[in-house]
Amino acid sequence: MDLYTAANPFVIVCLQLAITQYFGKMKAIRSIVVGTVIIGVSMLINVYPIYAAGGMRAITANWLPLGSVFLILTVALIAFGELFTSARMYEYIGSLAPKGQEGLFLGYANLPLALGSLAGGRPALSSSTTSWRAAPPRGPTGCSNWCRRRPPSAGAS
């Protein structure tokens, strides 16, 4: 696992209990706003390496480029903001729903994820390599390119 992907689980495992203990009494909507602001700030800090002396490739700590440091920091801050928003979002949506329709409202909350999956396909691990590639797309948008006939290979007669 590299540093970029390790930042997310590290922050979640190390800070989940502390965030829940200290901020668990905060109203759901306020928690969602705080998490959204943290995520927005995490995106904004990526501007700094562009204007820093030496640019994004300036080496910090004698081994890591400055752009990489800020990328890791961004991933960590997104995970930190997610600690405030993810669970509380469903709590807030459930509180908005009329009695007996909580499940319907929570299903509607996941509708954008379902539509995105249908339109763009899902990632899958390639059988020939260990890199990620897009699986055959599903839905009307993805099928238009997938269903097109492929040109014959150069060796075919």
N, C-alpha and C. Protein backbone atom coordinates (compact mmCIF):
# COMPACT_ATOMS: atom_id res chain seq x y z
N MET A 1 0.86 -1.17 0.00
CA MET A 1 0.00 0.00 0.00
C MET A 1 0.90 1.23 0.00
N ASP A 2 0.60 2.18 -0.85
CA ASP A 2 1.43 3.38 -0.91
C ASP A 2 0.90 4.47 0.02
N LEU A 3 1.67 5.53 0.16
CA LEU A 3 1.31 6.60 1.08
C LEU A 3 0.00 7.27 0.72
N TYR A 4 -0.29 7.36 -0.57
CA TYR A 4 -1.50 8.06 -1.01
C TYR A 4 -2.76 7.35 -0.54
N THR A 5 -2.79 6.05 -0.68
CA THR A 5 -3.99 5.30 -0.29
C THR A 5 -4.02 4.97 1.20
N ALA A 6 -2.87 5.01 1.86
CA ALA A 6 -2.83 4.69 3.29
C ALA A 6 -3.36 5.83 4.15
N ALA A 7 -3.39 7.04 3.63
CA ALA A 7 -3.82 8.19 4.42
C ALA A 7 -5.29 8.06 4.84
N ASN A 8 -6.14 7.60 3.94
CA ASN A 8 -7.57 7.49 4.23
C ASN A 8 -7.85 6.51 5.37
N PRO A 9 -7.46 5.24 5.28
CA PRO A 9 -7.77 4.33 6.39
C PRO A 9 -7.05 4.71 7.68
N PHE A 10 -5.85 5.28 7.57
CA PHE A 10 -5.12 5.69 8.77
C PHE A 10 -5.91 6.73 9.56
N VAL A 11 -6.41 7.75 8.87
CA VAL A 11 -7.18 8.80 9.53
C VAL A 11 -8.48 8.23 10.11
N ILE A 12 -9.17 7.40 9.36
CA ILE A 12 -10.44 6.86 9.84
C ILE A 12 -10.24 5.97 11.06
N VAL A 13 -9.26 5.08 11.02
CA VAL A 13 -9.05 4.17 12.15
C VAL A 13 -8.57 4.93 13.38
N CYS A 14 -7.69 5.90 13.19
CA CYS A 14 -7.11 6.60 14.33
C CYS A 14 -8.05 7.64 14.93
N LEU A 15 -8.92 8.24 14.15
CA LEU A 15 -9.71 9.36 14.65
C LEU A 15 -11.20 9.11 14.80
N GLN A 16 -11.70 7.97 14.36
CA GLN A 16 -13.14 7.72 14.41
C GLN A 16 -13.71 7.80 15.83
N LEU A 17 -13.09 7.15 16.76
CA LEU A 17 -13.61 7.15 18.12
C LEU A 17 -13.52 8.54 18.76
N ALA A 18 -12.43 9.25 18.52
CA ALA A 18 -12.28 10.59 19.10
C ALA A 18 -13.32 11.56 18.53
N ILE A 19 -13.53 11.52 17.23
CA ILE A 19 -14.53 12.40 16.60
C ILE A 19 -15.92 12.06 17.11
N THR A 20 -16.23 10.78 17.22
CA THR A 20 -17.55 10.37 17.72
C THR A 20 -17.74 10.82 19.17
N GLN A 21 -16.72 10.69 19.98
CA GLN A 21 -16.84 11.05 21.39
C GLN A 21 -16.99 12.57 21.56
N TYR A 22 -16.19 13.35 20.87
CA TYR A 22 -16.20 14.79 21.08
C TYR A 22 -17.29 15.52 20.31
N PHE A 23 -17.65 15.02 19.16
CA PHE A 23 -18.60 15.74 18.32
C PHE A 23 -19.90 14.97 18.10
N GLY A 24 -20.12 13.89 18.82
CA GLY A 24 -21.32 13.09 18.66
C GLY A 24 -22.60 13.81 19.05
N LYS A 25 -22.52 14.78 19.92
CA LYS A 25 -23.70 15.52 20.38
C LYS A 25 -24.06 16.68 19.45
N MET A 26 -23.21 16.96 18.48
CA MET A 26 -23.47 18.04 17.53
C MET A 26 -24.68 17.69 16.67
N LYS A 27 -25.48 18.68 16.33
CA LYS A 27 -26.64 18.44 15.46
C LYS A 27 -26.16 17.88 14.12
N ALA A 28 -27.00 17.06 13.52
CA ALA A 28 -26.62 16.40 12.27
C ALA A 28 -26.31 17.39 11.17
N ILE A 29 -27.13 18.41 11.00
CA ILE A 29 -26.90 19.36 9.90
C ILE A 29 -25.62 20.14 10.12
N ARG A 30 -25.31 20.50 11.37
CA ARG A 30 -24.06 21.22 11.66
C ARG A 30 -22.86 20.33 11.39
N SER A 31 -22.95 19.06 11.72
CA SER A 31 -21.88 18.11 11.46
C SER A 31 -21.64 17.95 9.96
N ILE A 32 -22.71 17.91 9.19
CA ILE A 32 -22.59 17.80 7.74
C ILE A 32 -21.92 19.04 7.17
N VAL A 33 -22.29 20.22 7.66
CA VAL A 33 -21.68 21.46 7.18
C VAL A 33 -20.20 21.52 7.54
N VAL A 34 -19.85 21.15 8.76
CA VAL A 34 -18.44 21.15 9.17
C VAL A 34 -17.63 20.19 8.28
N GLY A 35 -18.14 19.00 8.04
CA GLY A 35 -17.44 18.04 7.18
C GLY A 35 -17.30 18.54 5.76
N THR A 36 -18.33 19.19 5.24
CA THR A 36 -18.28 19.72 3.88
C THR A 36 -17.25 20.84 3.77
N VAL A 37 -17.17 21.69 4.78
CA VAL A 37 -16.17 22.77 4.79
C VAL A 37 -14.76 22.18 4.85
N ILE A 38 -14.56 21.16 5.67
CA ILE A 38 -13.24 20.53 5.75
C ILE A 38 -12.86 19.92 4.40
N ILE A 39 -13.79 19.27 3.74
CA ILE A 39 -13.51 18.70 2.42
C ILE A 39 -13.19 19.80 1.41
N GLY A 40 -13.92 20.91 1.48
CA GLY A 40 -13.63 22.03 0.58
C GLY A 40 -12.26 22.61 0.81
N VAL A 41 -11.87 22.76 2.07
CA VAL A 41 -10.53 23.28 2.39
C VAL A 41 -9.47 22.31 1.91
N SER A 42 -9.74 21.01 2.00
CA SER A 42 -8.76 20.02 1.54
C SER A 42 -8.50 20.16 0.04
N MET A 43 -9.50 20.53 -0.70
CA MET A 43 -9.29 20.76 -2.14
C MET A 43 -8.55 22.07 -2.39
N LEU A 44 -8.82 23.06 -1.57
CA LEU A 44 -8.22 24.38 -1.75
C LEU A 44 -6.72 24.38 -1.45
N ILE A 45 -6.26 23.54 -0.53
CA ILE A 45 -4.84 23.57 -0.19
C ILE A 45 -3.96 23.06 -1.32
N ASN A 46 -4.54 22.43 -2.32
CA ASN A 46 -3.74 21.96 -3.44
C ASN A 46 -3.23 23.09 -4.32
N VAL A 47 -3.70 24.30 -4.08
CA VAL A 47 -3.22 25.45 -4.86
C VAL A 47 -1.83 25.86 -4.40
N TYR A 48 -1.51 25.65 -3.12
CA TYR A 48 -0.23 26.10 -2.58
C TYR A 48 0.99 25.55 -3.33
N PRO A 49 1.09 24.25 -3.59
CA PRO A 49 2.30 23.75 -4.25
C PRO A 49 2.53 24.35 -5.64
N ILE A 50 1.49 24.81 -6.30
CA ILE A 50 1.65 25.39 -7.62
C ILE A 50 2.45 26.68 -7.54
N TYR A 51 2.21 27.46 -6.51
CA TYR A 51 2.86 28.76 -6.37
C TYR A 51 4.06 28.73 -5.44
N ALA A 52 4.37 27.60 -4.84
CA ALA A 52 5.51 27.51 -3.93
C ALA A 52 6.81 27.57 -4.71
N ALA A 53 7.87 27.99 -4.04
CA ALA A 53 9.19 28.03 -4.67
C ALA A 53 9.60 26.61 -5.05
N GLY A 54 9.94 26.41 -6.28
CA GLY A 54 10.31 25.08 -6.77
C GLY A 54 9.14 24.30 -7.33
N GLY A 55 7.95 24.77 -7.13
CA GLY A 55 6.77 24.12 -7.69
C GLY A 55 6.44 22.81 -7.00
N MET A 56 5.62 22.01 -7.68
CA MET A 56 5.14 20.76 -7.10
C MET A 56 6.23 19.71 -6.99
N ARG A 57 7.29 19.87 -7.77
CA ARG A 57 8.36 18.85 -7.75
C ARG A 57 9.46 19.16 -6.75
N ALA A 58 9.31 20.24 -5.99
CA ALA A 58 10.30 20.56 -4.96
C ALA A 58 10.32 19.44 -3.93
N ILE A 59 11.50 18.96 -3.60
CA ILE A 59 11.64 17.83 -2.70
C ILE A 59 11.55 18.30 -1.25
N THR A 60 10.71 17.62 -0.47
CA THR A 60 10.59 17.91 0.96
C THR A 60 11.06 16.68 1.72
N ALA A 61 11.65 16.90 2.86
CA ALA A 61 12.16 15.82 3.72
C ALA A 61 13.14 14.92 2.97
N ASN A 62 13.81 15.47 1.98
CA ASN A 62 14.85 14.79 1.19
C ASN A 62 14.37 13.56 0.41
N TRP A 63 13.06 13.40 0.23
CA TRP A 63 12.64 12.24 -0.55
C TRP A 63 11.25 12.34 -1.16
N LEU A 64 10.42 13.28 -0.74
CA LEU A 64 9.04 13.32 -1.22
C LEU A 64 8.75 14.67 -1.87
N PRO A 65 8.25 14.68 -3.10
CA PRO A 65 7.91 15.96 -3.75
C PRO A 65 6.80 16.69 -2.99
N LEU A 66 6.83 18.01 -3.04
CA LEU A 66 5.86 18.83 -2.33
C LEU A 66 4.43 18.53 -2.80
N GLY A 67 4.25 18.30 -4.09
CA GLY A 67 2.93 17.95 -4.59
C GLY A 67 2.40 16.67 -3.97
N SER A 68 3.27 15.70 -3.72
CA SER A 68 2.86 14.45 -3.09
C SER A 68 2.46 14.66 -1.64
N VAL A 69 3.20 15.51 -0.94
CA VAL A 69 2.87 15.80 0.45
C VAL A 69 1.46 16.40 0.53
N PHE A 70 1.16 17.34 -0.36
CA PHE A 70 -0.15 17.97 -0.32
C PHE A 70 -1.24 17.03 -0.82
N LEU A 71 -0.91 16.12 -1.70
CA LEU A 71 -1.89 15.12 -2.13
C LEU A 71 -2.25 14.19 -0.97
N ILE A 72 -1.26 13.76 -0.22
CA ILE A 72 -1.51 12.91 0.95
C ILE A 72 -2.32 13.68 1.99
N LEU A 73 -1.96 14.95 2.20
CA LEU A 73 -2.70 15.79 3.13
C LEU A 73 -4.15 15.97 2.69
N THR A 74 -4.36 16.11 1.39
CA THR A 74 -5.71 16.25 0.86
C THR A 74 -6.54 15.00 1.12
N VAL A 75 -5.96 13.84 0.84
CA VAL A 75 -6.68 12.57 1.08
C VAL A 75 -7.00 12.42 2.57
N ALA A 76 -6.06 12.79 3.44
CA ALA A 76 -6.29 12.69 4.88
C ALA A 76 -7.39 13.65 5.33
N LEU A 77 -7.39 14.87 4.80
CA LEU A 77 -8.43 15.82 5.18
C LEU A 77 -9.80 15.43 4.64
N ILE A 78 -9.84 14.84 3.46
CA ILE A 78 -11.12 14.35 2.93
C ILE A 78 -11.67 13.26 3.85
N ALA A 79 -10.80 12.36 4.30
CA ALA A 79 -11.24 11.31 5.23
C ALA A 79 -11.70 11.92 6.54
N PHE A 80 -10.99 12.96 7.00
CA PHE A 80 -11.38 13.63 8.25
C PHE A 80 -12.75 14.29 8.10
N GLY A 81 -12.99 14.96 6.97
CA GLY A 81 -14.31 15.55 6.72
C GLY A 81 -15.39 14.50 6.58
N GLU A 82 -15.02 13.37 6.02
CA GLU A 82 -15.98 12.28 5.85
C GLU A 82 -16.43 11.73 7.20
N LEU A 83 -15.55 11.77 8.19
CA LEU A 83 -15.92 11.33 9.53
C LEU A 83 -17.08 12.16 10.09
N PHE A 84 -17.14 13.42 9.71
CA PHE A 84 -18.22 14.28 10.18
C PHE A 84 -19.50 14.09 9.37
N THR A 85 -19.38 13.78 8.08
CA THR A 85 -20.56 13.81 7.21
C THR A 85 -21.22 12.47 6.95
N SER A 86 -20.46 11.41 6.77
CA SER A 86 -21.04 10.19 6.19
C SER A 86 -22.17 9.59 7.03
N ALA A 87 -21.95 9.32 8.28
CA ALA A 87 -23.00 8.69 9.09
C ALA A 87 -24.12 9.67 9.41
N ARG A 88 -23.78 10.91 9.60
CA ARG A 88 -24.79 11.90 9.99
C ARG A 88 -25.72 12.25 8.84
N MET A 89 -25.26 12.08 7.60
CA MET A 89 -26.12 12.38 6.46
C MET A 89 -27.35 11.47 6.47
N TYR A 90 -27.16 10.20 6.73
CA TYR A 90 -28.29 9.28 6.75
C TYR A 90 -29.21 9.54 7.94
N GLU A 91 -28.61 9.94 9.05
CA GLU A 91 -29.42 10.32 10.21
C GLU A 91 -30.29 11.53 9.88
N TYR A 92 -29.72 12.51 9.20
CA TYR A 92 -30.45 13.72 8.84
C TYR A 92 -31.56 13.40 7.84
N ILE A 93 -31.27 12.61 6.84
CA ILE A 93 -32.28 12.24 5.84
C ILE A 93 -33.41 11.45 6.50
N GLY A 94 -33.05 10.55 7.42
CA GLY A 94 -34.07 9.80 8.14
C GLY A 94 -34.96 10.69 9.01
N SER A 95 -34.40 11.76 9.55
CA SER A 95 -35.20 12.68 10.37
C SER A 95 -36.14 13.53 9.53
N LEU A 96 -35.80 13.73 8.26
CA LEU A 96 -36.68 14.51 7.37
C LEU A 96 -37.87 13.71 6.87
N ALA A 97 -37.74 12.40 6.85
CA ALA A 97 -38.77 11.53 6.28
C ALA A 97 -39.99 11.45 7.19
N PRO A 98 -41.17 11.35 6.57
CA PRO A 98 -42.38 11.10 7.37
C PRO A 98 -42.31 9.72 8.02
N LYS A 99 -43.01 9.56 9.09
CA LYS A 99 -43.02 8.30 9.84
C LYS A 99 -43.41 7.15 8.91
N GLY A 100 -42.60 6.11 8.89
CA GLY A 100 -42.88 4.94 8.07
C GLY A 100 -42.27 4.98 6.68
N GLN A 101 -41.70 6.12 6.27
CA GLN A 101 -41.11 6.22 4.94
C GLN A 101 -39.61 6.48 5.00
N GLU A 102 -38.98 6.16 6.11
CA GLU A 102 -37.55 6.40 6.27
C GLU A 102 -36.74 5.62 5.24
N GLY A 103 -37.10 4.36 5.02
CA GLY A 103 -36.38 3.53 4.06
C GLY A 103 -36.47 4.08 2.64
N LEU A 104 -37.63 4.59 2.26
CA LEU A 104 -37.82 5.17 0.94
C LEU A 104 -36.91 6.39 0.76
N PHE A 105 -36.86 7.24 1.77
CA PHE A 105 -36.02 8.43 1.70
C PHE A 105 -34.54 8.06 1.64
N LEU A 106 -34.13 7.05 2.40
CA LEU A 106 -32.73 6.62 2.36
C LEU A 106 -32.40 5.99 1.01
N GLY A 107 -33.36 5.33 0.40
CA GLY A 107 -33.15 4.80 -0.95
C GLY A 107 -32.98 5.92 -1.96
N TYR A 108 -33.77 6.96 -1.83
CA TYR A 108 -33.62 8.12 -2.72
C TYR A 108 -32.27 8.80 -2.50
N ALA A 109 -31.75 8.77 -1.28
CA ALA A 109 -30.45 9.37 -1.00
C ALA A 109 -29.33 8.65 -1.75
N ASN A 110 -29.51 7.36 -2.01
CA ASN A 110 -28.49 6.59 -2.73
C ASN A 110 -28.74 6.53 -4.23
N LEU A 111 -29.80 7.17 -4.70
CA LEU A 111 -30.11 7.15 -6.12
C LEU A 111 -29.00 7.73 -7.00
N PRO A 112 -28.34 8.84 -6.63
CA PRO A 112 -27.24 9.32 -7.47
C PRO A 112 -26.11 8.32 -7.62
N LEU A 113 -25.82 7.54 -6.58
CA LEU A 113 -24.79 6.51 -6.69
C LEU A 113 -25.20 5.42 -7.67
N ALA A 114 -26.45 5.02 -7.62
CA ALA A 114 -26.94 3.99 -8.53
C ALA A 114 -26.92 4.48 -9.97
N LEU A 115 -27.35 5.71 -10.20
CA LEU A 115 -27.35 6.25 -11.57
C LEU A 115 -25.93 6.42 -12.10
N GLY A 116 -25.01 6.84 -11.24
CA GLY A 116 -23.62 6.97 -11.67
C GLY A 116 -23.01 5.63 -12.03
N SER A 117 -23.35 4.61 -11.28
CA SER A 117 -22.86 3.27 -11.58
C SER A 117 -23.43 2.74 -12.90
N LEU A 118 -24.70 3.02 -13.15
CA LEU A 118 -25.30 2.58 -14.40
C LEU A 118 -24.69 3.32 -15.60
N ALA A 119 -24.43 4.59 -15.45
CA ALA A 119 -23.93 5.39 -16.57
C ALA A 119 -22.45 5.13 -16.83
N GLY A 120 -21.66 4.94 -15.80
CA GLY A 120 -20.21 4.87 -15.99
C GLY A 120 -19.59 3.51 -15.85
N GLY A 121 -20.32 2.53 -15.43
CA GLY A 121 -19.73 1.21 -15.23
C GLY A 121 -19.04 1.13 -13.89
N ARG A 122 -18.47 0.01 -13.61
CA ARG A 122 -17.79 -0.19 -12.34
C ARG A 122 -16.32 -0.53 -12.61
N PRO A 123 -15.43 -0.18 -11.69
CA PRO A 123 -14.03 -0.56 -11.90
C PRO A 123 -13.85 -2.05 -11.66
N ALA A 124 -12.95 -2.65 -12.37
CA ALA A 124 -12.68 -4.08 -12.21
C ALA A 124 -11.20 -4.31 -12.39
N LEU A 125 -10.69 -5.36 -11.77
CA LEU A 125 -9.28 -5.69 -11.88
C LEU A 125 -9.06 -6.49 -13.16
N SER A 126 -8.13 -6.04 -13.96
CA SER A 126 -7.84 -6.72 -15.22
C SER A 126 -7.24 -8.09 -14.92
N SER A 127 -7.60 -9.09 -15.72
CA SER A 127 -7.08 -10.43 -15.49
C SER A 127 -5.64 -10.56 -15.98
N SER A 128 -5.23 -9.72 -16.95
CA SER A 128 -3.89 -9.87 -17.49
C SER A 128 -2.85 -9.05 -16.73
N THR A 129 -3.27 -8.00 -16.06
CA THR A 129 -2.33 -7.18 -15.28
C THR A 129 -2.93 -6.91 -13.92
N THR A 130 -2.17 -6.23 -13.09
CA THR A 130 -2.68 -5.89 -11.78
C THR A 130 -3.19 -4.46 -11.73
N SER A 131 -3.35 -3.82 -12.88
CA SER A 131 -3.84 -2.44 -12.88
C SER A 131 -5.36 -2.44 -13.03
N TRP A 132 -5.96 -1.33 -12.62
CA TRP A 132 -7.42 -1.20 -12.70
C TRP A 132 -7.80 -0.75 -14.11
N ARG A 133 -8.91 -1.23 -14.58
CA ARG A 133 -9.46 -0.81 -15.86
C ARG A 133 -10.97 -0.75 -15.71
N ALA A 134 -11.62 -0.12 -16.63
CA ALA A 134 -13.08 -0.01 -16.56
C ALA A 134 -13.72 -1.30 -17.06
N ALA A 135 -14.68 -1.78 -16.35
CA ALA A 135 -15.44 -2.95 -16.78
C ALA A 135 -16.40 -2.52 -17.89
N PRO A 136 -16.98 -3.47 -18.61
CA PRO A 136 -17.94 -3.09 -19.64
C PRO A 136 -19.01 -2.17 -19.05
N PRO A 137 -19.20 -1.00 -19.64
CA PRO A 137 -20.16 -0.06 -19.09
C PRO A 137 -21.58 -0.56 -19.22
N ARG A 138 -22.42 -0.10 -18.33
CA ARG A 138 -23.82 -0.48 -18.34
C ARG A 138 -24.65 0.76 -18.58
N GLY A 139 -25.87 0.57 -18.95
CA GLY A 139 -26.78 1.69 -19.13
C GLY A 139 -26.70 2.27 -20.52
N PRO A 140 -27.59 3.20 -20.85
CA PRO A 140 -27.66 3.73 -22.20
C PRO A 140 -26.43 4.53 -22.60
N THR A 141 -25.82 5.26 -21.68
CA THR A 141 -24.66 6.07 -22.03
C THR A 141 -23.45 5.19 -22.30
N GLY A 142 -23.20 4.23 -21.45
CA GLY A 142 -22.02 3.40 -21.59
C GLY A 142 -22.10 2.41 -22.73
N CYS A 143 -23.29 1.94 -23.05
CA CYS A 143 -23.42 0.92 -24.09
C CYS A 143 -23.18 1.45 -25.50
N SER A 144 -23.34 2.75 -25.70
CA SER A 144 -23.20 3.27 -27.06
C SER A 144 -21.79 3.02 -27.61
N ASN A 145 -20.76 3.20 -26.79
CA ASN A 145 -19.40 2.96 -27.25
C ASN A 145 -19.03 1.49 -27.17
N TRP A 146 -19.53 0.78 -26.19
CA TRP A 146 -19.16 -0.61 -25.99
C TRP A 146 -19.74 -1.50 -27.09
N CYS A 147 -20.93 -1.20 -27.57
CA CYS A 147 -21.61 -2.05 -28.54
C CYS A 147 -21.15 -1.81 -29.97
N ARG A 148 -20.39 -0.75 -30.20
CA ARG A 148 -19.89 -0.48 -31.53
C ARG A 148 -18.99 -1.60 -32.01
N ARG A 149 -19.02 -1.88 -33.29
CA ARG A 149 -18.15 -2.94 -33.81
C ARG A 149 -16.71 -2.50 -33.73
N ARG A 150 -15.86 -3.41 -33.35
CA ARG A 150 -14.43 -3.12 -33.29
C ARG A 150 -13.82 -3.38 -34.67
N PRO A 151 -12.84 -2.55 -35.06
CA PRO A 151 -12.20 -2.79 -36.35
C PRO A 151 -11.41 -4.09 -36.32
N PRO A 152 -11.27 -4.76 -37.45
CA PRO A 152 -10.50 -6.01 -37.47
C PRO A 152 -9.03 -5.73 -37.17
N SER A 153 -8.37 -6.71 -36.56
CA SER A 153 -6.95 -6.52 -36.22
C SER A 153 -6.13 -6.52 -37.49
N ALA A 154 -4.88 -6.01 -37.38
CA ALA A 154 -4.02 -5.86 -38.55
C ALA A 154 -3.65 -7.19 -39.17
N GLY A 155 -3.56 -8.25 -38.38
CA GLY A 155 -3.16 -9.57 -38.89
C GLY A 155 -4.31 -10.33 -39.54
N ALA A 156 -5.55 -9.90 -39.37
CA ALA A 156 -6.69 -10.64 -39.91
C ALA A 156 -6.84 -10.36 -41.39
N SER A 157 -7.28 -11.35 -42.13
CA SER A 157 -7.46 -11.14 -43.58
C SER A 157 -8.90 -11.20 -43.97
